Every structure is written in structure tokens, then in C-alpha cells.
Amino acid sequence: MLKDHKPYYLKRFYNKFQKWYANYYLAPQCEYFGRGLHFMKPWHVEIFGGPVSLGDYTTFIAASDKKVRLTVWSAWQKSGKIKIGSCCLICPGVRISAATAVTIGDGTMLAQGAFVSDSDWHDLYDRSLSIGNTQEVKIGKNVWIGDSAIVGKGVTIGDNAVIGAGAVVVKDIPAAAVAAGNPAAVIRYLDPEKPLKSRTEWLADPVALARDFAIIDRDLMRGNTLGGWLRSLLLPRRGD
């Protein structure tokens, strides 16, 4: 579709339903469920185990074929946890698995299909119930982890770092570094002279931002009707 044909009131109802669903089904599974969390298709977000903490104003985008999965496996040592900071972005297909701890700083973005794990999940020689080696993963503030990247156990990624698409991170990455490859290696550093705007800054006034988005939506959807939306779904035509 070239445009959203839904009437504005229907989009508002859909957004409220998503918020209700997240509060009713996901919030009870979390140790902390932040203020202003935004979920797109929260029924495709799966939380297993705990504790799991989701920071204020973080956005989760899920899809039927790319579910977001947050899994804490602490059955043996009772110490696993996942903590996601404020103003983060979690895209479709992201998986975070913790046996010890995975901590993600404020404003960090995980692109589609990224995988973060603090454990091998099986020992090299004992492949029955052993989770193998496990060591905490620490991802700093305002980090950008690219499409399908993997972050392995024991890794620390510094603030403002960028991890390239498809990278496999098995060693620490310094702050403000751009890393890529398998295994990931630093290929350059961000220019300290250039300004860097984080999601945390962008979401500093969430009320005003929500008001601005509502104005944009009303303008883009002006003239949309329920009949026109149903027609676009059932009888799509060129230009829709």
C-alpha cells in the first residue's frame, strides 16, 4: 500500500487496543514495565522466565513471522535477568537470551533479527541439560546493533558504538567504534566533532512528540473512510 487507508479514529482504536494488550498480557510477566512503552503487534512478543525489565518509552516492533523473544533461563543458578533501558528500539525478530544477565543501555537500537546471548546453551562435552559457559553481556547507551548481528557471551559494547549487519561480536567493542565482520573487528571510530542525536534526546518530551504524531496522522488520514479502507483490502487497485 502507498498509504494507510484506515480512518484516523480506527487507527486510534487499534493503538489503544495494542496498549491494552501489552498492559494486560505482557506487563504481569515483567519485573519492571516502564512508562510510555510502545508496542506494535504485542501479541507477537514472547517473554519466558524472569526477571525482565523494560525501560520507559522503549518501542517494540514485532511481526507474525519475526517474533520478539525475551528468554531468561535461570532454572539452575537462579540468577538470569534481562534489563532493557529507556528509549530503546527493539525491531522484528530480535531475540535476547540470558542465563546470567543481559543489560542494554538507554537509547540503544537492535535492528531486525539481532540476537544477544550470554551463554553457549550447551557444554561442548555435556549436551544434555548443561547450559555451558555463561557470562554477562553489557551493551552501553545509544548503541546501534545492525540487522542479523549476533552478540555473544561476556561481551561489553561501549556507548554510541555501531555493530554492522551480520556481524558476530565475540570480543569487547569500545565506545564510539564502528565494528563489522565475523568475528567483529573495529573498522573505524565515529567523528567526535560531529553532533550525535540519541533516541533519548528525541524522546525527551514524549507528550509533545505524541501530539505531533497525532497531528501528522490526522492530516495524512483526512478523508479516509471505513468503506474506502475495506475496499483497499478486498479490492486493491493501482495507486493504493
Protein backbone atom coordinates (compact mmCIF):
# COMPACT_ATOMS: atom_id res chain seq x y z
CA MET A 1 0.00 0.00 0.00
CA LEU A 2 1.20 3.51 -0.84
CA LYS A 3 -0.82 4.98 2.04
CA ASP A 4 -2.75 4.00 5.14
CA HIS A 5 -6.41 3.98 4.13
CA LYS A 6 -7.77 3.49 7.65
CA PRO A 7 -9.85 6.30 9.14
CA TYR A 8 -7.99 8.17 11.87
CA TYR A 9 -10.45 7.05 14.59
CA LEU A 10 -9.83 3.41 13.66
CA LYS A 11 -6.07 3.83 13.96
CA ARG A 12 -6.53 5.43 17.40
CA PHE A 13 -8.69 2.48 18.50
CA TYR A 14 -6.10 0.00 17.17
CA ASN A 15 -3.28 1.76 19.04
CA LYS A 16 -5.32 1.76 22.25
CA PHE A 17 -6.04 -1.95 21.81
CA GLN A 18 -2.31 -2.68 21.40
CA LYS A 19 -1.58 -0.72 24.57
CA TRP A 20 -4.30 -2.59 26.45
CA TYR A 21 -3.00 -5.94 25.23
CA ALA A 22 0.57 -5.14 26.33
CA ASN A 23 -0.55 -3.95 29.76
CA TYR A 24 -2.84 -6.93 30.28
CA TYR A 25 -0.68 -9.77 28.94
CA LEU A 26 2.96 -8.59 28.98
CA ALA A 27 3.21 -6.28 31.98
CA PRO A 28 2.46 -9.04 34.55
CA GLN A 29 5.44 -11.01 33.20
CA CYS A 30 7.91 -8.17 33.84
CA GLU A 31 9.72 -7.10 36.98
CA TYR A 32 9.55 -3.54 35.66
CA PHE A 33 7.23 -2.41 32.87
CA GLY A 34 8.12 1.17 32.01
CA ARG A 35 6.01 4.24 31.41
CA GLY A 36 5.13 5.08 27.83
CA LEU A 37 6.16 1.75 26.34
CA HIS A 38 5.02 1.41 22.74
CA PHE A 39 4.26 -1.98 21.19
CA MET A 40 3.43 -2.71 17.59
CA LYS A 41 1.65 -6.10 17.43
CA PRO A 42 2.43 -7.04 21.06
CA TRP A 43 0.79 -10.45 20.57
CA HIS A 44 3.97 -11.40 18.71
CA VAL A 45 6.20 -10.52 21.69
CA GLU A 46 7.09 -13.58 23.80
CA ILE A 47 8.53 -13.38 27.32
CA PHE A 48 9.75 -16.52 29.05
CA GLY A 49 11.22 -16.62 32.54
CA GLY A 50 12.42 -13.65 34.54
CA PRO A 51 13.21 -11.18 35.84
CA VAL A 52 12.73 -9.00 32.75
CA SER A 53 12.77 -5.19 32.99
CA LEU A 54 11.61 -2.92 30.15
CA GLY A 55 12.60 0.75 30.38
CA ASP A 56 10.41 3.80 29.90
CA TYR A 57 9.40 4.86 26.36
CA THR A 58 11.02 1.87 24.68
CA THR A 59 9.47 0.72 21.38
CA PHE A 60 8.90 -2.93 20.43
CA ILE A 61 8.01 -3.87 16.84
CA ALA A 62 7.02 -7.49 16.23
CA ALA A 63 5.59 -9.49 13.33
CA SER A 64 3.96 -12.89 12.88
CA ASP A 65 7.00 -14.24 11.04
CA LYS A 66 9.56 -12.34 13.15
CA LYS A 67 8.54 -12.54 16.78
CA VAL A 68 10.44 -10.70 19.51
CA ARG A 69 11.58 -13.21 22.14
CA LEU A 70 12.98 -12.37 25.58
CA THR A 71 14.07 -15.53 27.37
CA VAL A 72 15.61 -15.91 30.83
CA TRP A 73 16.82 -19.38 31.70
CA SER A 74 17.71 -19.32 35.39
CA ALA A 75 16.43 -22.72 36.47
CA TRP A 76 19.85 -23.88 37.67
CA GLN A 77 21.54 -20.83 39.14
CA LYS A 78 18.57 -18.52 39.86
CA SER A 79 20.48 -15.52 38.57
CA GLY A 80 19.42 -14.85 34.99
CA LYS A 81 17.95 -11.48 34.06
CA ILE A 82 17.28 -9.16 31.12
CA LYS A 83 17.26 -5.41 31.61
CA ILE A 84 16.43 -3.10 28.68
CA GLY A 85 16.91 0.62 29.23
CA SER A 86 14.71 3.59 28.38
CA CYS A 87 14.00 4.89 24.87
CA CYS A 88 15.36 1.76 23.17
CA LEU A 89 14.17 0.32 19.84
CA ILE A 90 13.59 -3.43 19.51
CA CYS A 91 12.81 -4.46 15.92
CA PRO A 92 11.10 -7.59 14.49
CA GLY A 93 12.88 -10.88 15.03
CA VAL A 94 15.10 -9.70 17.90
CA ARG A 95 15.98 -12.45 20.38
CA ILE A 96 17.59 -11.86 23.77
CA SER A 97 18.52 -14.93 25.83
CA ALA A 98 20.02 -14.76 29.32
CA ALA A 99 21.30 -17.35 31.76
CA THR A 100 23.34 -14.82 33.76
CA ALA A 101 22.47 -11.26 32.67
CA VAL A 102 21.95 -9.14 29.57
CA THR A 103 21.90 -5.38 30.20
CA ILE A 104 21.06 -2.90 27.43
CA GLY A 105 21.58 0.83 27.94
CA ASP A 106 19.24 3.73 27.24
CA GLY A 107 18.60 4.69 23.62
CA THR A 108 20.06 1.52 22.13
CA MET A 109 18.63 0.16 18.87
CA LEU A 110 18.51 -3.53 17.90
CA ALA A 111 17.72 -3.98 14.21
CA GLN A 112 15.71 -6.82 12.68
CA GLY A 113 16.91 -10.30 13.55
CA ALA A 114 19.61 -9.28 16.03
CA PHE A 115 20.47 -11.94 18.62
CA VAL A 116 22.03 -11.30 22.04
CA SER A 117 23.00 -14.23 24.24
CA ASP A 118 25.11 -14.57 27.38
CA SER A 119 25.52 -18.34 27.18
CA ASP A 120 26.65 -21.20 24.94
CA TRP A 121 23.45 -23.06 25.99
CA HIS A 122 25.21 -26.41 25.73
CA ASP A 123 28.57 -27.63 27.03
CA LEU A 124 30.98 -28.97 24.43
CA TYR A 125 31.03 -32.37 26.13
CA ASP A 126 27.79 -32.41 28.15
CA ARG A 127 24.99 -31.75 25.68
CA SER A 128 22.16 -32.87 27.92
CA LEU A 129 20.98 -30.24 30.42
CA SER A 130 24.12 -28.14 30.85
CA ILE A 131 23.88 -24.52 29.68
CA GLY A 132 27.65 -24.45 29.07
CA ASN A 133 29.69 -21.31 29.62
CA THR A 134 27.79 -18.19 30.55
CA GLN A 135 28.96 -14.64 31.21
CA GLU A 136 27.11 -11.33 31.45
CA VAL A 137 26.60 -9.18 28.34
CA LYS A 138 26.69 -5.40 28.76
CA ILE A 139 25.56 -3.14 25.92
CA GLY A 140 26.03 0.58 26.54
CA LYS A 141 23.89 3.60 25.82
CA ASN A 142 22.89 4.69 22.32
CA VAL A 143 24.40 1.59 20.67
CA TRP A 144 23.18 0.57 17.20
CA ILE A 145 23.23 -3.18 16.55
CA GLY A 146 22.65 -3.95 12.87
CA ASP A 147 20.42 -6.39 11.04
CA SER A 148 21.03 -10.06 11.96
CA ALA A 149 24.08 -9.26 14.13
CA ILE A 150 24.98 -11.65 16.95
CA VAL A 151 26.37 -10.55 20.31
CA GLY A 152 27.90 -13.41 22.31
CA LYS A 153 28.61 -14.13 25.95
CA GLY A 154 30.89 -11.94 28.04
CA VAL A 155 30.86 -9.06 25.56
CA THR A 156 30.80 -5.40 26.58
CA ILE A 157 29.88 -2.83 23.92
CA GLY A 158 30.68 0.79 24.73
CA ASP A 159 28.34 3.78 24.44
CA ASN A 160 27.48 5.03 20.93
CA ALA A 161 29.12 2.05 19.19
CA VAL A 162 27.76 0.70 15.90
CA ILE A 163 27.70 -3.02 15.07
CA GLY A 164 27.39 -3.77 11.35
CA ALA A 165 24.76 -6.01 9.80
CA GLY A 166 25.55 -9.71 10.13
CA ALA A 167 28.48 -9.12 12.50
CA VAL A 168 29.36 -11.73 15.11
CA VAL A 169 30.63 -9.99 18.25
CA VAL A 170 32.74 -12.22 20.49
CA LYS A 171 35.07 -9.59 21.99
CA ASP A 172 34.54 -6.20 23.62
CA ILE A 173 33.86 -3.23 21.34
CA PRO A 174 35.00 0.23 22.57
CA ALA A 175 32.74 3.26 22.84
CA ALA A 176 32.05 5.17 19.59
CA ALA A 177 33.57 2.38 17.48
CA VAL A 178 32.12 1.00 14.25
CA ALA A 179 32.64 -2.77 14.11
CA ALA A 180 31.81 -5.32 11.42
CA GLY A 181 32.66 -8.82 10.26
CA ASN A 182 32.90 -12.34 11.65
CA PRO A 183 34.43 -12.14 14.16
CA ALA A 184 33.59 -8.45 14.51
CA ALA A 185 36.52 -6.03 14.45
CA VAL A 186 36.71 -2.26 14.76
CA ILE A 187 36.94 -0.66 11.31
CA ARG A 188 36.79 2.99 12.38
CA TYR A 189 35.54 5.38 15.05
CA LEU A 190 32.81 8.00 14.98
CA ASP A 191 33.97 11.56 14.38
CA PRO A 192 33.90 13.26 17.81
CA GLU A 193 33.46 16.63 16.09
CA LYS A 194 30.10 15.67 14.58
CA PRO A 195 26.96 16.02 16.74
CA LEU A 196 25.17 12.80 17.61
CA LYS A 197 21.45 12.84 18.47
CA SER A 198 20.20 9.89 20.51
CA ARG A 199 16.72 8.41 20.82
CA THR A 200 16.80 9.53 24.45
CA GLU A 201 17.07 13.15 23.30
CA TRP A 202 14.41 12.63 20.62
CA LEU A 203 12.01 11.24 23.25
CA ALA A 204 12.85 13.83 25.88
CA ASP A 205 9.31 15.30 25.64
CA PRO A 206 7.11 12.28 24.87
CA VAL A 207 3.85 14.16 25.35
CA ALA A 208 4.76 16.77 22.75
CA LEU A 209 6.07 14.08 20.40
CA ALA A 210 2.83 12.09 20.67
CA ARG A 211 0.85 15.27 19.98
CA ASP A 212 2.94 15.99 16.88
CA PHE A 213 2.46 12.45 15.56
CA ALA A 214 -1.29 12.73 16.13
CA ILE A 215 -1.38 15.94 14.08
CA ILE A 216 0.56 14.24 11.26
CA ASP A 217 -1.74 11.19 11.32
CA ARG A 218 -4.89 13.29 11.22
CA ASP A 219 -3.53 15.20 8.24
CA LEU A 220 -2.43 12.08 6.35
CA MET A 221 -5.71 10.28 7.02
CA ARG A 222 -8.04 13.20 6.31
CA GLY A 223 -10.87 12.00 4.10
CA ASN A 224 -10.31 8.29 4.79
CA THR A 225 -13.48 6.28 5.31
CA LEU A 226 -14.29 2.84 6.65
CA GLY A 227 -15.68 1.82 3.26
CA GLY A 228 -12.60 3.05 1.44
CA TRP A 229 -10.31 1.16 3.80
CA LEU A 230 -12.27 -2.10 3.37
CA ARG A 231 -12.25 -1.63 -0.40
CA SER A 232 -8.44 -1.19 -0.36
CA LEU A 233 -8.10 -4.51 1.50
CA LEU A 234 -10.60 -6.53 -0.56
CA LEU A 235 -10.25 -4.88 -3.98
CA PRO A 236 -6.82 -3.24 -4.13
CA ARG A 237 -6.04 -1.18 -7.20
CA ARG A 238 -3.13 0.73 -8.66
CA GLY A 239 -2.38 3.80 -6.57
CA ASP A 240 -3.49 2.29 -3.24
